[in-house]
N, C-alpha and C. Protein backbone atom coordinates (compact mmCIF):
# COMPACT_ATOMS: atom_id res chain seq x y z
N UNK A 1 -11.65 99.50 172.63
CA UNK A 1 -10.61 98.71 172.02
C UNK A 1 -10.73 98.72 170.49
N UNK A 2 -11.96 98.69 169.98
CA UNK A 2 -12.13 98.69 168.53
C UNK A 2 -11.70 100.02 167.92
N UNK A 3 -11.79 101.09 168.66
CA UNK A 3 -11.37 102.41 168.17
C UNK A 3 -9.86 102.42 167.96
N UNK A 4 -9.12 101.82 168.85
CA UNK A 4 -7.66 101.77 168.73
C UNK A 4 -7.25 100.95 167.51
N UNK A 5 -7.90 99.81 167.31
CA UNK A 5 -7.58 98.97 166.15
C UNK A 5 -7.92 99.69 164.86
N UNK A 6 -9.06 100.34 164.80
CA UNK A 6 -9.44 101.09 163.60
C UNK A 6 -8.47 102.24 163.34
N UNK A 7 -8.03 102.90 164.40
CA UNK A 7 -7.08 104.01 164.24
C UNK A 7 -5.75 103.52 163.67
N UNK A 8 -5.23 102.43 164.23
CA UNK A 8 -3.97 101.89 163.72
C UNK A 8 -4.10 101.37 162.29
N UNK A 9 -5.21 100.76 161.96
CA UNK A 9 -5.42 100.31 160.58
C UNK A 9 -5.50 101.51 159.64
N UNK A 10 -6.16 102.57 160.05
CA UNK A 10 -6.24 103.78 159.24
C UNK A 10 -4.87 104.40 159.02
N UNK A 11 -4.06 104.47 160.07
CA UNK A 11 -2.71 105.01 159.95
C UNK A 11 -1.86 104.11 159.05
N UNK A 12 -1.99 102.81 159.18
CA UNK A 12 -1.23 101.88 158.35
C UNK A 12 -1.57 102.06 156.87
N UNK A 13 -2.85 102.11 156.54
CA UNK A 13 -3.25 102.25 155.14
C UNK A 13 -2.89 103.63 154.59
N UNK A 14 -2.96 104.64 155.41
CA UNK A 14 -2.55 105.98 154.98
C UNK A 14 -1.06 106.00 154.66
N UNK A 15 -0.26 105.37 155.50
CA UNK A 15 1.18 105.29 155.26
C UNK A 15 1.47 104.48 154.00
N UNK A 16 0.76 103.39 153.80
CA UNK A 16 0.94 102.57 152.61
C UNK A 16 0.64 103.37 151.34
N UNK A 17 -0.46 104.08 151.32
CA UNK A 17 -0.82 104.91 150.17
C UNK A 17 0.22 106.01 149.95
N UNK A 18 0.74 106.58 151.02
CA UNK A 18 1.75 107.62 150.92
C UNK A 18 3.02 107.09 150.26
N UNK A 19 3.51 105.93 150.71
CA UNK A 19 4.73 105.37 150.13
C UNK A 19 4.53 104.97 148.67
N UNK A 20 3.41 104.39 148.34
CA UNK A 20 3.15 104.02 146.95
C UNK A 20 3.04 105.28 146.09
N UNK A 21 2.41 106.33 146.59
CA UNK A 21 2.30 107.58 145.85
C UNK A 21 3.66 108.22 145.59
N UNK A 22 4.52 108.22 146.60
CA UNK A 22 5.87 108.77 146.43
C UNK A 22 6.64 107.94 145.41
N UNK A 23 6.49 106.62 145.44
CA UNK A 23 7.16 105.76 144.47
C UNK A 23 6.70 106.03 143.05
N UNK A 24 5.40 106.25 142.86
CA UNK A 24 4.88 106.55 141.53
C UNK A 24 5.39 107.89 141.01
N UNK A 25 5.50 108.86 141.89
CA UNK A 25 6.04 110.16 141.49
C UNK A 25 7.50 110.03 141.09
N UNK A 26 8.27 109.26 141.85
CA UNK A 26 9.67 109.04 141.51
C UNK A 26 9.80 108.29 140.19
N UNK A 27 8.94 107.32 139.96
CA UNK A 27 8.93 106.56 138.71
C UNK A 27 8.71 107.48 137.52
N UNK A 28 7.71 108.35 137.61
CA UNK A 28 7.41 109.27 136.52
C UNK A 28 8.52 110.30 136.34
N UNK A 29 9.16 110.69 137.41
CA UNK A 29 10.28 111.62 137.30
C UNK A 29 11.43 110.99 136.52
N UNK A 30 11.70 109.71 136.76
CA UNK A 30 12.74 109.01 136.01
C UNK A 30 12.40 108.93 134.52
N UNK A 31 11.13 108.70 134.21
CA UNK A 31 10.69 108.66 132.81
C UNK A 31 10.89 110.04 132.17
N UNK A 32 10.53 111.09 132.87
CA UNK A 32 10.69 112.45 132.34
C UNK A 32 12.15 112.80 132.12
N UNK A 33 13.03 112.36 133.02
CA UNK A 33 14.47 112.61 132.84
C UNK A 33 14.99 111.92 131.58
N UNK A 34 14.57 110.68 131.36
CA UNK A 34 15.01 109.94 130.17
C UNK A 34 14.49 110.62 128.90
N UNK A 35 13.23 111.06 128.91
CA UNK A 35 12.67 111.76 127.74
C UNK A 35 13.43 113.06 127.48
N UNK A 36 13.76 113.77 128.53
CA UNK A 36 14.52 115.01 128.38
C UNK A 36 15.90 114.77 127.83
N UNK A 37 16.55 113.70 128.28
CA UNK A 37 17.89 113.40 127.76
C UNK A 37 17.84 113.00 126.29
N UNK A 38 16.82 112.26 125.91
CA UNK A 38 16.67 111.90 124.49
C UNK A 38 16.50 113.16 123.64
N UNK A 39 15.69 114.10 124.11
CA UNK A 39 15.53 115.37 123.39
C UNK A 39 16.85 116.13 123.31
N UNK A 40 17.61 116.11 124.40
CA UNK A 40 18.91 116.79 124.41
C UNK A 40 19.87 116.17 123.40
N UNK A 41 19.87 114.84 123.30
CA UNK A 41 20.73 114.17 122.33
C UNK A 41 20.36 114.59 120.92
N UNK A 42 19.08 114.61 120.63
CA UNK A 42 18.63 114.99 119.28
C UNK A 42 19.02 116.42 118.96
N UNK A 43 18.84 117.34 119.90
CA UNK A 43 19.23 118.74 119.67
C UNK A 43 20.73 118.88 119.47
N UNK A 44 21.52 118.18 120.29
CA UNK A 44 22.97 118.25 120.16
C UNK A 44 23.44 117.70 118.81
N UNK A 45 22.86 116.61 118.38
CA UNK A 45 23.25 116.04 117.09
C UNK A 45 22.91 116.97 115.94
N UNK A 46 21.73 117.56 116.00
CA UNK A 46 21.33 118.48 114.93
C UNK A 46 22.18 119.73 114.93
N UNK A 47 22.48 120.28 116.09
CA UNK A 47 23.26 121.52 116.17
C UNK A 47 24.72 121.32 115.79
N UNK A 48 25.25 120.11 115.98
CA UNK A 48 26.65 119.86 115.67
C UNK A 48 26.86 119.26 114.29
N UNK A 49 25.77 119.07 113.54
CA UNK A 49 25.84 118.44 112.22
C UNK A 49 26.45 117.04 112.32
N UNK A 50 26.03 116.29 113.36
CA UNK A 50 26.42 114.90 113.58
C UNK A 50 27.92 114.72 113.76
N UNK A 51 28.53 115.62 114.50
CA UNK A 51 29.97 115.55 114.76
C UNK A 51 30.31 114.28 115.56
N UNK A 52 31.41 113.59 115.20
CA UNK A 52 31.78 112.37 115.93
C UNK A 52 32.04 112.60 117.41
N UNK A 53 32.64 113.74 117.75
CA UNK A 53 32.91 114.01 119.17
C UNK A 53 31.62 114.20 119.95
N UNK A 54 30.61 114.82 119.34
CA UNK A 54 29.33 115.00 120.01
C UNK A 54 28.60 113.66 120.13
N UNK A 55 28.67 112.83 119.11
CA UNK A 55 28.05 111.50 119.17
C UNK A 55 28.65 110.71 120.33
N UNK A 56 29.97 110.71 120.43
CA UNK A 56 30.63 109.97 121.51
C UNK A 56 30.33 110.57 122.88
N UNK A 57 30.27 111.89 122.96
CA UNK A 57 29.96 112.55 124.24
C UNK A 57 28.55 112.22 124.69
N UNK A 58 27.61 112.18 123.77
CA UNK A 58 26.22 111.84 124.12
C UNK A 58 26.13 110.40 124.64
N UNK A 59 26.85 109.50 124.01
CA UNK A 59 26.83 108.10 124.44
C UNK A 59 27.49 107.95 125.81
N UNK A 60 28.62 108.64 126.04
CA UNK A 60 29.31 108.55 127.32
C UNK A 60 28.49 109.19 128.45
N UNK A 61 27.86 110.31 128.17
CA UNK A 61 27.02 110.94 129.19
C UNK A 61 25.84 110.05 129.53
N UNK A 62 25.28 109.41 128.54
CA UNK A 62 24.20 108.46 128.78
C UNK A 62 24.64 107.30 129.66
N UNK A 63 25.85 106.82 129.45
CA UNK A 63 26.37 105.73 130.29
C UNK A 63 26.51 106.17 131.74
N UNK A 64 26.96 107.40 131.94
CA UNK A 64 27.08 107.91 133.32
C UNK A 64 25.72 108.04 133.99
N UNK A 65 24.69 108.28 133.20
CA UNK A 65 23.33 108.39 133.74
C UNK A 65 22.61 107.04 133.77
N UNK A 66 23.32 105.97 133.46
CA UNK A 66 22.79 104.60 133.43
C UNK A 66 21.77 104.38 132.31
N UNK A 67 22.01 105.03 131.18
CA UNK A 67 21.21 104.81 129.99
C UNK A 67 22.08 104.09 128.97
N UNK A 68 21.47 103.27 128.15
CA UNK A 68 22.18 102.65 127.04
C UNK A 68 21.75 103.40 125.78
N UNK A 69 22.69 104.12 125.19
CA UNK A 69 22.39 104.97 124.03
C UNK A 69 22.97 104.32 122.78
N UNK A 70 22.14 104.25 121.75
CA UNK A 70 22.57 103.72 120.45
C UNK A 70 22.16 104.75 119.41
N UNK A 71 23.10 105.15 118.57
CA UNK A 71 22.84 106.16 117.54
C UNK A 71 23.14 105.54 116.18
N UNK A 72 22.11 105.45 115.33
CA UNK A 72 22.26 104.97 113.96
C UNK A 72 22.29 106.18 113.05
N UNK A 73 23.41 106.37 112.37
CA UNK A 73 23.54 107.52 111.47
C UNK A 73 23.42 107.04 110.04
N UNK A 74 22.51 107.67 109.30
CA UNK A 74 22.30 107.35 107.89
C UNK A 74 22.98 108.42 107.05
N UNK A 75 23.74 107.97 106.08
CA UNK A 75 24.44 108.89 105.20
C UNK A 75 23.57 109.31 104.03
N UNK A 76 24.02 110.33 103.32
CA UNK A 76 23.29 110.82 102.15
C UNK A 76 23.26 109.79 101.03
N UNK A 77 24.26 108.90 101.03
CA UNK A 77 24.33 107.87 99.99
C UNK A 77 23.58 106.59 100.37
N UNK A 78 22.89 106.59 101.52
CA UNK A 78 22.10 105.44 101.92
C UNK A 78 22.79 104.49 102.89
N UNK A 79 24.04 104.76 103.20
CA UNK A 79 24.74 103.90 104.16
C UNK A 79 24.22 104.17 105.58
N UNK A 80 24.37 103.17 106.42
CA UNK A 80 23.89 103.29 107.80
C UNK A 80 24.93 102.70 108.73
N UNK A 81 25.30 103.46 109.77
CA UNK A 81 26.30 103.02 110.73
C UNK A 81 25.75 103.20 112.14
N UNK A 82 25.95 102.18 112.98
CA UNK A 82 25.46 102.22 114.35
C UNK A 82 26.62 102.47 115.29
N UNK A 83 26.43 103.42 116.22
CA UNK A 83 27.45 103.75 117.22
C UNK A 83 26.89 103.48 118.61
N UNK A 84 27.69 102.79 119.42
CA UNK A 84 27.35 102.49 120.80
C UNK A 84 28.58 102.74 121.66
N UNK A 85 28.49 102.37 122.94
CA UNK A 85 29.66 102.54 123.81
C UNK A 85 30.81 101.63 123.40
N UNK A 86 30.51 100.50 122.76
CA UNK A 86 31.54 99.58 122.32
C UNK A 86 32.06 99.91 120.92
N UNK A 87 31.36 100.77 120.21
CA UNK A 87 31.77 101.16 118.87
C UNK A 87 31.63 102.68 118.74
N UNK A 88 32.65 103.44 119.17
CA UNK A 88 32.57 104.90 119.12
C UNK A 88 32.64 105.43 117.69
N UNK A 89 32.11 106.63 117.51
CA UNK A 89 32.09 107.26 116.19
C UNK A 89 33.47 107.79 115.85
N UNK A 90 33.84 107.64 114.60
CA UNK A 90 35.13 108.17 114.14
C UNK A 90 34.95 109.11 112.96
N UNK A 91 34.07 108.76 112.02
CA UNK A 91 33.86 109.60 110.84
C UNK A 91 32.37 109.60 110.52
N UNK A 92 31.78 110.78 110.60
CA UNK A 92 30.35 110.90 110.29
C UNK A 92 30.12 111.88 109.15
N UNK A 93 31.10 112.03 108.30
CA UNK A 93 30.93 112.95 107.18
C UNK A 93 29.85 112.42 106.23
N UNK A 94 29.07 113.31 105.70
CA UNK A 94 28.00 112.93 104.78
C UNK A 94 26.76 112.40 105.48
N UNK A 95 26.63 112.68 106.77
CA UNK A 95 25.46 112.19 107.52
C UNK A 95 24.24 113.03 107.18
N UNK A 96 23.13 112.35 106.98
CA UNK A 96 21.88 113.04 106.65
C UNK A 96 20.89 113.03 107.82
N UNK A 97 20.87 111.93 108.58
CA UNK A 97 19.95 111.82 109.70
C UNK A 97 20.48 110.81 110.71
N UNK A 98 19.87 110.82 111.88
CA UNK A 98 20.27 109.87 112.93
C UNK A 98 19.02 109.35 113.62
N UNK A 99 19.07 108.09 113.98
CA UNK A 99 18.00 107.43 114.72
C UNK A 99 18.54 107.12 116.10
N UNK A 100 18.01 107.78 117.12
CA UNK A 100 18.50 107.67 118.49
C UNK A 100 17.63 106.68 119.26
N UNK A 101 18.27 105.72 119.92
CA UNK A 101 17.56 104.75 120.76
C UNK A 101 18.15 104.84 122.16
N UNK A 102 17.29 105.03 123.15
CA UNK A 102 17.74 105.16 124.54
C UNK A 102 17.01 104.11 125.38
N UNK A 103 17.78 103.19 125.96
CA UNK A 103 17.23 102.16 126.83
C UNK A 103 17.51 102.56 128.27
N UNK A 104 16.52 102.41 129.14
CA UNK A 104 16.70 102.74 130.56
C UNK A 104 15.83 101.82 131.40
N UNK A 105 16.13 101.76 132.69
CA UNK A 105 15.36 100.94 133.62
C UNK A 105 14.73 101.82 134.67
N UNK A 106 13.50 101.50 134.99
CA UNK A 106 12.76 102.20 136.05
C UNK A 106 12.47 101.22 137.16
N UNK A 107 12.34 101.77 138.36
CA UNK A 107 12.07 100.91 139.51
C UNK A 107 11.07 101.60 140.42
N UNK A 108 10.09 100.86 140.86
CA UNK A 108 9.16 101.32 141.87
C UNK A 108 9.72 100.82 143.20
N UNK A 109 10.34 101.69 144.00
CA UNK A 109 11.12 101.22 145.14
C UNK A 109 10.32 100.45 146.19
N UNK A 110 9.16 100.90 146.55
CA UNK A 110 8.42 100.28 147.64
C UNK A 110 7.87 98.91 147.23
N UNK A 111 7.47 98.77 145.98
CA UNK A 111 6.91 97.51 145.51
C UNK A 111 7.95 96.58 144.89
N UNK A 112 9.14 97.12 144.58
CA UNK A 112 10.21 96.31 144.00
C UNK A 112 9.99 95.94 142.55
N UNK A 113 9.17 96.69 141.85
CA UNK A 113 8.90 96.43 140.44
C UNK A 113 9.92 97.18 139.60
N UNK A 114 10.57 96.47 138.67
CA UNK A 114 11.54 97.10 137.78
C UNK A 114 11.14 96.82 136.34
N UNK A 115 11.13 97.87 135.52
CA UNK A 115 10.79 97.74 134.11
C UNK A 115 11.90 98.30 133.25
N UNK A 116 12.09 97.70 132.11
CA UNK A 116 13.02 98.21 131.11
C UNK A 116 12.21 98.88 130.01
N UNK A 117 12.62 100.10 129.67
CA UNK A 117 11.89 100.87 128.66
C UNK A 117 12.85 101.36 127.58
N UNK A 118 12.27 101.79 126.48
CA UNK A 118 13.05 102.25 125.35
C UNK A 118 12.39 103.49 124.76
N UNK A 119 13.20 104.51 124.47
CA UNK A 119 12.73 105.72 123.80
C UNK A 119 13.47 105.83 122.48
N UNK A 120 12.76 106.31 121.46
CA UNK A 120 13.36 106.46 120.13
C UNK A 120 13.03 107.82 119.56
N UNK A 121 13.94 108.32 118.70
CA UNK A 121 13.68 109.60 118.06
C UNK A 121 14.62 109.81 116.88
N UNK A 122 14.28 110.79 116.03
CA UNK A 122 15.05 111.11 114.83
C UNK A 122 15.69 112.47 114.95
N UNK A 123 16.89 112.58 114.43
CA UNK A 123 17.59 113.86 114.30
C UNK A 123 17.88 114.04 112.82
N UNK A 124 17.55 115.21 112.30
CA UNK A 124 17.79 115.47 110.87
C UNK A 124 18.60 116.72 110.69
């Protein structure tokens, strides 16, 4: 009888470790996707010379991926303008650099833990 109980306990703990391990892998995959998207935004901004259509497209694509994207563009004259989904870009002439902020949420499905994280980067 003790062998059966030990076997079931072993199977239970093995299954528990398996589900937690899969959740951790999924969690890290979500973090890597967010980091990759932040890098993509920075590359797109640099390659387009901070074009307003590219700024708006990056913010809209981020919204579809459930990211909150905020782009602060600094002009050559020292001015600074922030663009979000509620304030789309219209004129970015004279832009010298951009500060990209990406907010996202991660969730560990089996344990029900949810965290909010933020990634930041510069485009010049």
